[in-house]
Amino acid sequence: MRTSPVATTLRRSGQCHVFGDHIPLDDGLIPFEMAIRRIDDPALLCPELLKLVDPGFPARVQPGDIVIAGADFGCGKPHFQGFIAMASLGLAVVCVSMPYKALRGAISKGVPVLTGLPADPGAFATGDRIEVDFSSGTVANLDTGHRVEVPPLSPLLADVVTQGGTRGMLAAWLDAHPGMREPAATAPVEPPAGSV
């Protein structure tokens, strides 16, 4: 499984991988044991990504591919190791719905997400080539010609994604403000008056 550099575009094309409803973060995207051990190394996480739901996924997925999912994608406790793996592969998500905390976690790691996909299982099949424009909300199946319009990614969230997530935003801010990279000078602490 090869990782992908941070994608800075909001237009993606790749193979899609179709999943159903209620895929949890723990024991869905990533084994719960990896979450509670706080493993955050993409080299360890990527081979386990979605393996419990689809054992063939880690061998089949390619950098830049797109996950198509049903309702409640990323449900459960907000452990975001799955999104770390997805970001390292340059993956994107288009789903029927996603809990707010999971959406926040995906965006913070730099994974673009569109929600509002109609629940139409026949529109996309694993292996189809699709193209997604996150700024317009257009999802096109290049193999079948099927096209869906969903609410676009907001400009604010799009900015976070194109900078590689919150760490990327912080790095860009520090580049623009190099003086903030230096530790703050601390004044010496004076003992309270009257103490020896």
N, C-alpha and C. Protein backbone atom coordinates (compact mmCIF):
# COMPACT_ATOMS: atom_id res chain seq x y z
N MET A 1 0.84 -1.17 0.00
CA MET A 1 0.00 0.00 0.00
C MET A 1 0.90 1.24 0.00
N ARG A 2 0.76 2.07 -1.01
CA ARG A 2 1.58 3.28 -1.10
C ARG A 2 0.82 4.46 -0.54
N THR A 3 1.58 5.35 0.13
CA THR A 3 0.95 6.56 0.61
C THR A 3 1.04 7.63 -0.45
N SER A 4 0.27 8.69 -0.24
CA SER A 4 0.16 9.76 -1.22
C SER A 4 0.54 11.07 -0.57
N PRO A 5 1.20 11.98 -1.32
CA PRO A 5 1.46 13.30 -0.76
C PRO A 5 0.13 14.04 -0.55
N VAL A 6 0.16 15.07 0.25
CA VAL A 6 -1.04 15.85 0.52
C VAL A 6 -1.59 16.40 -0.79
N ALA A 7 -2.85 16.12 -1.04
CA ALA A 7 -3.51 16.64 -2.24
C ALA A 7 -3.99 18.05 -1.95
N THR A 8 -3.71 18.97 -2.87
CA THR A 8 -4.10 20.36 -2.65
C THR A 8 -5.22 20.79 -3.58
N THR A 9 -5.87 19.84 -4.18
CA THR A 9 -6.97 20.15 -5.09
C THR A 9 -8.28 19.63 -4.52
N LEU A 10 -9.36 20.30 -4.90
CA LEU A 10 -10.67 19.86 -4.45
C LEU A 10 -11.39 19.07 -5.54
N ARG A 11 -10.68 18.70 -6.57
CA ARG A 11 -11.23 17.84 -7.62
C ARG A 11 -10.42 16.56 -7.61
N ARG A 12 -11.08 15.45 -7.37
CA ARG A 12 -10.40 14.16 -7.26
C ARG A 12 -11.01 13.16 -8.22
N SER A 13 -10.18 12.29 -8.73
CA SER A 13 -10.69 11.16 -9.51
C SER A 13 -9.91 9.92 -9.13
N GLY A 14 -10.59 8.80 -9.09
CA GLY A 14 -9.97 7.54 -8.73
C GLY A 14 -11.01 6.44 -8.67
N GLN A 15 -10.57 5.27 -8.29
CA GLN A 15 -11.50 4.15 -8.11
C GLN A 15 -12.33 4.39 -6.86
N CYS A 16 -13.58 3.94 -6.88
CA CYS A 16 -14.37 4.06 -5.66
C CYS A 16 -14.45 2.70 -4.97
N HIS A 17 -14.66 2.78 -3.68
CA HIS A 17 -14.82 1.60 -2.83
C HIS A 17 -16.11 1.82 -2.06
N VAL A 18 -17.09 0.98 -2.27
CA VAL A 18 -18.43 1.19 -1.74
C VAL A 18 -18.63 0.42 -0.44
N PHE A 19 -19.14 1.15 0.57
CA PHE A 19 -19.43 0.58 1.88
C PHE A 19 -20.86 0.95 2.26
N GLY A 20 -21.43 0.19 3.17
CA GLY A 20 -22.81 0.40 3.58
C GLY A 20 -22.96 1.41 4.69
N ASP A 21 -24.03 1.25 5.44
CA ASP A 21 -24.36 2.16 6.54
C ASP A 21 -23.64 1.77 7.82
N HIS A 22 -23.51 2.75 8.70
CA HIS A 22 -23.07 2.55 10.09
C HIS A 22 -21.68 1.92 10.19
N ILE A 23 -20.73 2.40 9.39
CA ILE A 23 -19.34 1.94 9.51
C ILE A 23 -18.71 2.72 10.66
N PRO A 24 -18.34 2.04 11.76
CA PRO A 24 -17.82 2.76 12.92
C PRO A 24 -16.34 3.12 12.76
N LEU A 25 -15.92 4.10 13.55
CA LEU A 25 -14.49 4.45 13.58
C LEU A 25 -13.69 3.32 14.20
N ASP A 26 -14.16 2.80 15.36
CA ASP A 26 -13.49 1.70 16.05
C ASP A 26 -14.04 0.38 15.54
N ASP A 27 -13.12 -0.51 15.19
CA ASP A 27 -13.48 -1.82 14.63
C ASP A 27 -14.30 -1.70 13.35
N GLY A 28 -14.07 -0.61 12.65
CA GLY A 28 -14.64 -0.37 11.33
C GLY A 28 -13.52 0.20 10.47
N LEU A 29 -13.24 1.49 10.68
CA LEU A 29 -12.12 2.09 9.96
C LEU A 29 -10.80 1.50 10.42
N ILE A 30 -10.63 1.38 11.72
CA ILE A 30 -9.38 0.89 12.32
C ILE A 30 -9.73 0.00 13.52
N PRO A 31 -8.93 -1.05 13.79
CA PRO A 31 -9.20 -1.86 14.99
C PRO A 31 -9.16 -1.01 16.26
N PHE A 32 -10.10 -1.27 17.14
CA PHE A 32 -10.21 -0.52 18.39
C PHE A 32 -8.90 -0.55 19.18
N GLU A 33 -8.23 -1.69 19.15
CA GLU A 33 -6.98 -1.82 19.90
C GLU A 33 -5.95 -0.79 19.45
N MET A 34 -5.90 -0.47 18.17
CA MET A 34 -4.96 0.55 17.68
C MET A 34 -5.36 1.93 18.16
N ALA A 35 -6.66 2.15 18.28
CA ALA A 35 -7.13 3.45 18.75
C ALA A 35 -6.77 3.66 20.22
N ILE A 36 -7.04 2.66 21.05
CA ILE A 36 -6.77 2.86 22.48
C ILE A 36 -5.27 2.87 22.77
N ARG A 37 -4.46 2.29 21.89
CA ARG A 37 -3.00 2.36 22.05
C ARG A 37 -2.44 3.65 21.45
N ARG A 38 -3.33 4.47 20.86
CA ARG A 38 -2.95 5.77 20.29
C ARG A 38 -1.90 5.66 19.21
N ILE A 39 -1.99 4.63 18.42
CA ILE A 39 -1.06 4.46 17.30
C ILE A 39 -1.42 5.51 16.25
N ASP A 40 -0.42 6.27 15.81
CA ASP A 40 -0.68 7.30 14.80
C ASP A 40 0.30 7.24 13.63
N ASP A 41 1.02 6.16 13.51
CA ASP A 41 1.97 5.98 12.41
C ASP A 41 1.22 5.42 11.20
N PRO A 42 1.14 6.21 10.10
CA PRO A 42 0.42 5.73 8.92
C PRO A 42 0.92 4.39 8.40
N ALA A 43 2.21 4.11 8.56
CA ALA A 43 2.75 2.83 8.08
C ALA A 43 2.11 1.64 8.80
N LEU A 44 1.71 1.85 10.05
CA LEU A 44 1.05 0.79 10.81
C LEU A 44 -0.47 0.81 10.60
N LEU A 45 -1.03 1.99 10.42
CA LEU A 45 -2.48 2.12 10.29
C LEU A 45 -3.00 1.72 8.91
N CYS A 46 -2.30 2.09 7.85
CA CYS A 46 -2.82 1.85 6.49
C CYS A 46 -3.12 0.38 6.20
N PRO A 47 -2.27 -0.57 6.60
CA PRO A 47 -2.59 -1.97 6.31
C PRO A 47 -3.84 -2.48 7.04
N GLU A 48 -4.31 -1.74 8.04
CA GLU A 48 -5.50 -2.15 8.81
C GLU A 48 -6.75 -1.37 8.42
N LEU A 49 -6.60 -0.35 7.58
CA LEU A 49 -7.71 0.53 7.23
C LEU A 49 -8.85 -0.25 6.59
N LEU A 50 -10.02 -0.20 7.21
CA LEU A 50 -11.26 -0.84 6.75
C LEU A 50 -11.15 -2.35 6.52
N LYS A 51 -10.10 -2.95 7.03
CA LYS A 51 -9.87 -4.39 6.84
C LYS A 51 -10.93 -5.24 7.55
N LEU A 52 -11.43 -4.76 8.68
CA LEU A 52 -12.44 -5.53 9.41
C LEU A 52 -13.79 -5.52 8.70
N VAL A 53 -14.02 -4.54 7.83
CA VAL A 53 -15.26 -4.45 7.07
C VAL A 53 -15.10 -5.13 5.71
N ASP A 54 -13.94 -4.93 5.09
CA ASP A 54 -13.64 -5.52 3.78
C ASP A 54 -12.19 -5.98 3.80
N PRO A 55 -11.93 -7.28 4.05
CA PRO A 55 -10.55 -7.77 4.19
C PRO A 55 -9.67 -7.47 2.97
N GLY A 56 -10.26 -7.33 1.79
CA GLY A 56 -9.47 -7.07 0.59
C GLY A 56 -9.15 -5.60 0.35
N PHE A 57 -9.74 -4.71 1.14
CA PHE A 57 -9.56 -3.27 0.90
C PHE A 57 -8.11 -2.82 0.97
N PRO A 58 -7.33 -3.17 2.01
CA PRO A 58 -5.95 -2.66 2.08
C PRO A 58 -5.10 -3.04 0.86
N ALA A 59 -5.32 -4.22 0.29
CA ALA A 59 -4.54 -4.63 -0.88
C ALA A 59 -5.04 -3.96 -2.15
N ARG A 60 -6.31 -3.60 -2.18
CA ARG A 60 -6.93 -3.06 -3.40
C ARG A 60 -6.83 -1.54 -3.52
N VAL A 61 -6.84 -0.83 -2.39
CA VAL A 61 -6.90 0.63 -2.42
C VAL A 61 -5.63 1.22 -3.00
N GLN A 62 -5.79 2.30 -3.73
CA GLN A 62 -4.67 3.03 -4.33
C GLN A 62 -4.73 4.48 -3.86
N PRO A 63 -3.59 5.15 -3.78
CA PRO A 63 -3.60 6.57 -3.42
C PRO A 63 -4.56 7.35 -4.32
N GLY A 64 -5.35 8.21 -3.70
CA GLY A 64 -6.28 9.04 -4.45
C GLY A 64 -7.66 8.43 -4.65
N ASP A 65 -7.88 7.20 -4.19
CA ASP A 65 -9.19 6.57 -4.36
C ASP A 65 -10.23 7.26 -3.48
N ILE A 66 -11.50 6.92 -3.73
CA ILE A 66 -12.61 7.57 -3.05
C ILE A 66 -13.50 6.53 -2.39
N VAL A 67 -13.79 6.75 -1.12
CA VAL A 67 -14.69 5.88 -0.38
C VAL A 67 -16.11 6.42 -0.55
N ILE A 68 -17.01 5.56 -1.03
CA ILE A 68 -18.43 5.87 -1.12
C ILE A 68 -19.11 5.09 0.00
N ALA A 69 -19.84 5.79 0.86
CA ALA A 69 -20.43 5.11 2.01
C ALA A 69 -21.87 5.54 2.24
N GLY A 70 -22.55 4.74 3.04
CA GLY A 70 -23.95 5.00 3.36
C GLY A 70 -24.10 5.99 4.50
N ALA A 71 -25.14 5.79 5.28
CA ALA A 71 -25.46 6.68 6.39
C ALA A 71 -24.57 6.40 7.59
N ASP A 72 -24.29 7.45 8.35
CA ASP A 72 -23.61 7.34 9.63
C ASP A 72 -22.18 6.81 9.49
N PHE A 73 -21.49 7.20 8.43
CA PHE A 73 -20.11 6.76 8.24
C PHE A 73 -19.22 7.40 9.30
N GLY A 74 -18.44 6.57 10.00
CA GLY A 74 -17.57 7.08 11.05
C GLY A 74 -18.29 7.28 12.37
N CYS A 75 -19.29 6.45 12.64
CA CYS A 75 -20.03 6.58 13.90
C CYS A 75 -19.20 6.04 15.05
N GLY A 76 -19.65 6.32 16.26
CA GLY A 76 -18.98 5.82 17.46
C GLY A 76 -18.07 6.85 18.09
N LYS A 77 -17.22 6.38 18.97
CA LYS A 77 -16.31 7.28 19.69
C LYS A 77 -15.36 7.96 18.72
N PRO A 78 -15.02 9.24 18.99
CA PRO A 78 -14.18 9.98 18.05
C PRO A 78 -12.69 9.64 18.16
N HIS A 79 -12.33 8.45 17.69
CA HIS A 79 -10.93 8.06 17.55
C HIS A 79 -10.59 8.21 16.07
N PHE A 80 -9.60 9.02 15.74
CA PHE A 80 -9.41 9.44 14.36
C PHE A 80 -8.24 8.78 13.63
N GLN A 81 -7.74 7.67 14.15
CA GLN A 81 -6.63 6.99 13.48
C GLN A 81 -6.99 6.58 12.05
N GLY A 82 -8.24 6.22 11.81
CA GLY A 82 -8.66 5.86 10.46
C GLY A 82 -8.49 7.01 9.50
N PHE A 83 -8.74 8.22 9.96
CA PHE A 83 -8.59 9.39 9.09
C PHE A 83 -7.12 9.73 8.88
N ILE A 84 -6.27 9.40 9.84
CA ILE A 84 -4.83 9.57 9.63
C ILE A 84 -4.39 8.68 8.47
N ALA A 85 -4.85 7.43 8.48
CA ALA A 85 -4.52 6.50 7.40
C ALA A 85 -5.09 6.99 6.07
N MET A 86 -6.34 7.43 6.07
CA MET A 86 -6.97 7.91 4.84
C MET A 86 -6.22 9.11 4.28
N ALA A 87 -5.82 10.03 5.15
CA ALA A 87 -5.10 11.22 4.70
C ALA A 87 -3.75 10.84 4.10
N SER A 88 -3.07 9.88 4.71
CA SER A 88 -1.75 9.50 4.19
C SER A 88 -1.85 8.85 2.81
N LEU A 89 -3.02 8.28 2.51
CA LEU A 89 -3.26 7.67 1.19
C LEU A 89 -3.89 8.65 0.20
N GLY A 90 -4.21 9.85 0.67
CA GLY A 90 -4.86 10.82 -0.20
C GLY A 90 -6.28 10.43 -0.56
N LEU A 91 -6.97 9.69 0.33
CA LEU A 91 -8.33 9.25 0.07
C LEU A 91 -9.33 10.37 0.36
N ALA A 92 -10.51 10.23 -0.21
CA ALA A 92 -11.61 11.15 0.02
C ALA A 92 -12.85 10.33 0.34
N VAL A 93 -13.87 10.99 0.91
CA VAL A 93 -15.10 10.30 1.30
C VAL A 93 -16.30 11.04 0.73
N VAL A 94 -17.23 10.28 0.17
CA VAL A 94 -18.55 10.78 -0.22
C VAL A 94 -19.54 9.82 0.43
N CYS A 95 -20.45 10.35 1.24
CA CYS A 95 -21.35 9.47 1.98
C CYS A 95 -22.73 10.07 2.12
N VAL A 96 -23.65 9.24 2.56
CA VAL A 96 -25.01 9.70 2.81
C VAL A 96 -25.00 10.66 4.00
N SER A 97 -24.36 10.26 5.09
CA SER A 97 -24.25 11.13 6.26
C SER A 97 -23.06 10.71 7.10
N MET A 98 -22.60 11.65 7.94
CA MET A 98 -21.47 11.41 8.83
C MET A 98 -21.70 12.20 10.11
N PRO A 99 -21.50 11.59 11.28
CA PRO A 99 -21.65 12.35 12.52
C PRO A 99 -20.71 13.55 12.54
N TYR A 100 -21.16 14.60 13.23
CA TYR A 100 -20.40 15.85 13.27
C TYR A 100 -18.96 15.64 13.75
N LYS A 101 -18.78 14.87 14.83
CA LYS A 101 -17.43 14.69 15.38
C LYS A 101 -16.53 13.96 14.40
N ALA A 102 -17.07 13.00 13.67
CA ALA A 102 -16.27 12.30 12.67
C ALA A 102 -15.92 13.24 11.52
N LEU A 103 -16.87 14.05 11.09
CA LEU A 103 -16.60 15.03 10.02
C LEU A 103 -15.49 15.98 10.46
N ARG A 104 -15.59 16.46 11.68
CA ARG A 104 -14.56 17.35 12.21
C ARG A 104 -13.19 16.66 12.20
N GLY A 105 -13.16 15.39 12.61
CA GLY A 105 -11.90 14.64 12.63
C GLY A 105 -11.33 14.43 11.24
N ALA A 106 -12.18 14.09 10.28
CA ALA A 106 -11.72 13.88 8.90
C ALA A 106 -11.12 15.16 8.33
N ILE A 107 -11.83 16.26 8.48
CA ILE A 107 -11.35 17.54 7.94
C ILE A 107 -10.06 17.95 8.63
N SER A 108 -9.97 17.75 9.94
CA SER A 108 -8.76 18.14 10.67
C SER A 108 -7.54 17.36 10.22
N LYS A 109 -7.75 16.16 9.68
CA LYS A 109 -6.63 15.37 9.17
C LYS A 109 -6.38 15.63 7.68
N GLY A 110 -7.24 16.44 7.04
CA GLY A 110 -7.05 16.76 5.63
C GLY A 110 -7.78 15.85 4.67
N VAL A 111 -8.79 15.12 5.15
CA VAL A 111 -9.57 14.23 4.30
C VAL A 111 -10.82 14.98 3.83
N PRO A 112 -10.97 15.20 2.52
CA PRO A 112 -12.18 15.88 2.05
C PRO A 112 -13.40 14.97 2.14
N VAL A 113 -14.54 15.55 2.54
CA VAL A 113 -15.75 14.78 2.75
C VAL A 113 -16.93 15.54 2.14
N LEU A 114 -17.76 14.80 1.42
CA LEU A 114 -19.06 15.31 1.00
C LEU A 114 -20.13 14.43 1.62
N THR A 115 -21.15 15.04 2.20
CA THR A 115 -22.29 14.30 2.71
C THR A 115 -23.52 14.67 1.89
N GLY A 116 -24.58 13.92 2.07
CA GLY A 116 -25.80 14.21 1.33
C GLY A 116 -25.99 13.34 0.10
N LEU A 117 -25.17 12.31 -0.04
CA LEU A 117 -25.30 11.40 -1.17
C LEU A 117 -26.64 10.68 -1.07
N PRO A 118 -27.41 10.63 -2.16
CA PRO A 118 -28.66 9.86 -2.09
C PRO A 118 -28.36 8.38 -1.82
N ALA A 119 -29.23 7.76 -1.06
CA ALA A 119 -29.05 6.34 -0.74
C ALA A 119 -29.47 5.50 -1.93
N ASP A 120 -28.59 5.41 -2.92
CA ASP A 120 -28.87 4.69 -4.17
C ASP A 120 -27.75 3.68 -4.39
N PRO A 121 -27.92 2.45 -3.90
CA PRO A 121 -26.83 1.48 -3.98
C PRO A 121 -26.43 1.11 -5.41
N GLY A 122 -27.29 1.33 -6.37
CA GLY A 122 -26.95 0.96 -7.74
C GLY A 122 -26.17 2.00 -8.50
N ALA A 123 -25.99 3.19 -7.94
CA ALA A 123 -25.31 4.27 -8.66
C ALA A 123 -23.80 4.08 -8.76
N PHE A 124 -23.22 3.41 -7.78
CA PHE A 124 -21.77 3.22 -7.72
C PHE A 124 -21.47 1.79 -7.31
N ALA A 125 -20.43 1.22 -7.88
CA ALA A 125 -19.98 -0.12 -7.51
C ALA A 125 -18.48 -0.07 -7.27
N THR A 126 -18.02 -0.86 -6.32
CA THR A 126 -16.58 -0.91 -6.05
C THR A 126 -15.84 -1.18 -7.34
N GLY A 127 -14.83 -0.37 -7.60
CA GLY A 127 -14.02 -0.50 -8.81
C GLY A 127 -14.38 0.51 -9.89
N ASP A 128 -15.56 1.14 -9.79
CA ASP A 128 -15.92 2.18 -10.76
C ASP A 128 -14.95 3.35 -10.64
N ARG A 129 -14.66 3.97 -11.78
CA ARG A 129 -13.85 5.19 -11.79
C ARG A 129 -14.80 6.37 -11.60
N ILE A 130 -14.52 7.18 -10.58
CA ILE A 130 -15.38 8.33 -10.35
C ILE A 130 -14.56 9.61 -10.24
N GLU A 131 -15.25 10.70 -10.44
CA GLU A 131 -14.63 12.02 -10.28
C GLU A 131 -15.52 12.83 -9.35
N VAL A 132 -14.90 13.50 -8.38
CA VAL A 132 -15.63 14.29 -7.40
C VAL A 132 -15.07 15.70 -7.39
N ASP A 133 -15.96 16.67 -7.50
CA ASP A 133 -15.58 18.07 -7.35
C ASP A 133 -16.16 18.52 -6.00
N PHE A 134 -15.29 18.65 -5.01
CA PHE A 134 -15.74 18.98 -3.67
C PHE A 134 -16.21 20.42 -3.56
N SER A 135 -15.73 21.30 -4.44
CA SER A 135 -16.16 22.69 -4.36
C SER A 135 -17.53 22.92 -4.98
N SER A 136 -17.95 22.06 -5.91
CA SER A 136 -19.28 22.21 -6.51
C SER A 136 -20.27 21.16 -6.02
N GLY A 137 -19.77 20.07 -5.43
CA GLY A 137 -20.64 18.99 -4.95
C GLY A 137 -21.04 18.01 -6.04
N THR A 138 -20.28 17.95 -7.12
CA THR A 138 -20.59 17.05 -8.22
C THR A 138 -19.84 15.73 -8.06
N VAL A 139 -20.59 14.62 -8.15
CA VAL A 139 -20.00 13.28 -8.08
C VAL A 139 -20.39 12.57 -9.37
N ALA A 140 -19.40 12.22 -10.19
CA ALA A 140 -19.67 11.62 -11.50
C ALA A 140 -19.04 10.24 -11.58
N ASN A 141 -19.84 9.25 -11.98
CA ASN A 141 -19.33 7.91 -12.23
C ASN A 141 -18.86 7.90 -13.69
N LEU A 142 -17.56 7.84 -13.89
CA LEU A 142 -16.99 7.91 -15.24
C LEU A 142 -17.26 6.66 -16.05
N ASP A 143 -17.56 5.54 -15.39
CA ASP A 143 -17.84 4.29 -16.10
C ASP A 143 -19.28 4.19 -16.59
N THR A 144 -20.21 4.72 -15.80
CA THR A 144 -21.63 4.57 -16.15
C THR A 144 -22.27 5.86 -16.64
N GLY A 145 -21.61 6.99 -16.41
CA GLY A 145 -22.19 8.27 -16.77
C GLY A 145 -23.15 8.83 -15.73
N HIS A 146 -23.41 8.08 -14.66
CA HIS A 146 -24.31 8.55 -13.59
C HIS A 146 -23.67 9.76 -12.91
N ARG A 147 -24.49 10.77 -12.62
CA ARG A 147 -23.99 12.01 -12.01
C ARG A 147 -24.93 12.41 -10.87
N VAL A 148 -24.35 12.82 -9.76
CA VAL A 148 -25.12 13.21 -8.58
C VAL A 148 -24.61 14.58 -8.11
N GLU A 149 -25.55 15.42 -7.68
CA GLU A 149 -25.19 16.70 -7.07
C GLU A 149 -25.52 16.64 -5.58
N VAL A 150 -24.55 16.98 -4.75
CA VAL A 150 -24.74 17.02 -3.31
C VAL A 150 -24.25 18.38 -2.81
N PRO A 151 -24.56 18.74 -1.56
CA PRO A 151 -24.05 20.01 -1.05
C PRO A 151 -22.52 20.04 -1.10
N PRO A 152 -21.93 21.13 -1.60
CA PRO A 152 -20.47 21.21 -1.69
C PRO A 152 -19.81 21.36 -0.32
N LEU A 153 -18.52 21.13 -0.30
CA LEU A 153 -17.73 21.36 0.91
C LEU A 153 -17.64 22.87 1.12
N SER A 154 -17.90 23.32 2.32
CA SER A 154 -17.89 24.77 2.57
C SER A 154 -16.49 25.32 2.32
N PRO A 155 -16.39 26.58 1.87
CA PRO A 155 -15.06 27.18 1.62
C PRO A 155 -14.15 27.13 2.84
N LEU A 156 -14.71 27.31 4.03
CA LEU A 156 -13.90 27.28 5.24
C LEU A 156 -13.27 25.90 5.44
N LEU A 157 -14.08 24.85 5.30
CA LEU A 157 -13.55 23.49 5.46
C LEU A 157 -12.64 23.12 4.29
N ALA A 158 -12.96 23.60 3.11
CA ALA A 158 -12.12 23.34 1.94
C ALA A 158 -10.72 23.91 2.15
N ASP A 159 -10.64 25.07 2.77
CA ASP A 159 -9.34 25.69 3.05
C ASP A 159 -8.51 24.82 3.98
N VAL A 160 -9.16 24.25 4.99
CA VAL A 160 -8.44 23.35 5.91
C VAL A 160 -7.92 22.14 5.15
N VAL A 161 -8.77 21.54 4.32
CA VAL A 161 -8.38 20.34 3.56
C VAL A 161 -7.22 20.62 2.62
N THR A 162 -7.29 21.73 1.87
CA THR A 162 -6.24 22.00 0.88
C THR A 162 -4.90 22.34 1.51
N GLN A 163 -4.92 22.70 2.79
CA GLN A 163 -3.66 22.95 3.48
C GLN A 163 -3.15 21.72 4.22
N GLY A 164 -3.84 20.59 4.04
CA GLY A 164 -3.38 19.35 4.66
C GLY A 164 -3.88 19.14 6.06
N GLY A 165 -5.01 19.75 6.41
CA GLY A 165 -5.57 19.60 7.74
C GLY A 165 -5.08 20.68 8.68
N THR A 166 -5.41 20.53 9.95
CA THR A 166 -5.05 21.57 10.91
C THR A 166 -3.54 21.69 11.12
N ARG A 167 -2.82 20.58 11.01
CA ARG A 167 -1.35 20.66 11.14
C ARG A 167 -0.76 21.44 9.97
N GLY A 168 -1.30 21.21 8.78
CA GLY A 168 -0.85 21.95 7.61
C GLY A 168 -1.15 23.43 7.73
N MET A 169 -2.33 23.76 8.27
CA MET A 169 -2.68 25.17 8.48
C MET A 169 -1.73 25.81 9.48
N LEU A 170 -1.42 25.10 10.56
CA LEU A 170 -0.50 25.64 11.55
C LEU A 170 0.89 25.84 10.96
N ALA A 171 1.36 24.87 10.17
CA ALA A 171 2.68 25.01 9.54
C ALA A 171 2.72 26.22 8.61
N ALA A 172 1.64 26.43 7.84
CA ALA A 172 1.58 27.59 6.95
C ALA A 172 1.57 28.89 7.75
N TRP A 173 0.84 28.89 8.86
CA TRP A 173 0.79 30.10 9.70
C TRP A 173 2.16 30.38 10.30
N LEU A 174 2.85 29.34 10.75
CA LEU A 174 4.19 29.54 11.32
C LEU A 174 5.18 30.00 10.26
N ASP A 175 5.02 29.52 9.02
CA ASP A 175 5.88 30.01 7.93
C ASP A 175 5.67 31.50 7.70
N ALA A 176 4.42 31.95 7.83
CA ALA A 176 4.10 33.36 7.64
C ALA A 176 4.47 34.22 8.86
N HIS A 177 4.66 33.59 10.01
CA HIS A 177 5.00 34.29 11.25
C HIS A 177 6.20 33.59 11.90
N PRO A 178 7.39 33.64 11.28
CA PRO A 178 8.53 32.85 11.77
C PRO A 178 8.94 33.19 13.20
N GLY A 179 8.68 34.40 13.66
CA GLY A 179 9.03 34.75 15.03
C GLY A 179 8.27 33.94 16.06
N MET A 180 7.13 33.39 15.67
CA MET A 180 6.34 32.60 16.61
C MET A 180 6.90 31.19 16.80
N ARG A 181 7.90 30.82 16.00
CA ARG A 181 8.53 29.51 16.17
C ARG A 181 9.45 29.50 17.40
N GLU A 182 9.89 30.67 17.83
CA GLU A 182 10.79 30.76 18.97
C GLU A 182 10.00 30.64 20.26
N PRO A 183 10.57 29.96 21.25
CA PRO A 183 9.85 29.88 22.53
C PRO A 183 9.70 31.28 23.13
N ALA A 184 8.63 31.49 23.81
CA ALA A 184 8.39 32.78 24.46
C ALA A 184 9.39 32.96 25.60
N ALA A 185 9.93 34.17 25.70
CA ALA A 185 10.84 34.47 26.80
C ALA A 185 10.04 34.52 28.09
N THR A 186 10.59 33.92 29.11
CA THR A 186 9.90 33.94 30.40
C THR A 186 10.66 34.82 31.35
N ALA A 187 9.93 35.65 32.06
CA ALA A 187 10.55 36.54 33.04
C ALA A 187 10.94 35.71 34.26
N PRO A 188 12.05 36.08 34.91
CA PRO A 188 12.42 35.34 36.13
C PRO A 188 11.33 35.51 37.19
N VAL A 189 11.11 34.47 37.93
CA VAL A 189 10.09 34.49 38.98
C VAL A 189 10.73 35.04 40.25
N GLU A 190 10.15 36.12 40.76
CA GLU A 190 10.65 36.73 42.01
C GLU A 190 9.95 36.05 43.19
N PRO A 191 10.69 35.76 44.26
CA PRO A 191 10.02 35.19 45.44
C PRO A 191 9.08 36.23 46.04
N PRO A 192 8.02 35.77 46.68
CA PRO A 192 7.07 36.71 47.30
C PRO A 192 7.79 37.58 48.34
N ALA A 193 7.32 38.81 48.49
CA ALA A 193 7.90 39.73 49.45
C ALA A 193 7.85 39.12 50.85
N GLY A 194 8.94 39.28 51.59
CA GLY A 194 8.98 38.79 52.96
C GLY A 194 9.43 37.34 53.08
N SER A 195 9.62 36.63 51.94
CA SER A 195 10.07 35.26 52.05
C SER A 195 11.59 35.22 52.05
N VAL A 196 12.18 34.19 52.60
CA VAL A 196 13.63 34.08 52.68
C VAL A 196 14.13 33.12 51.65
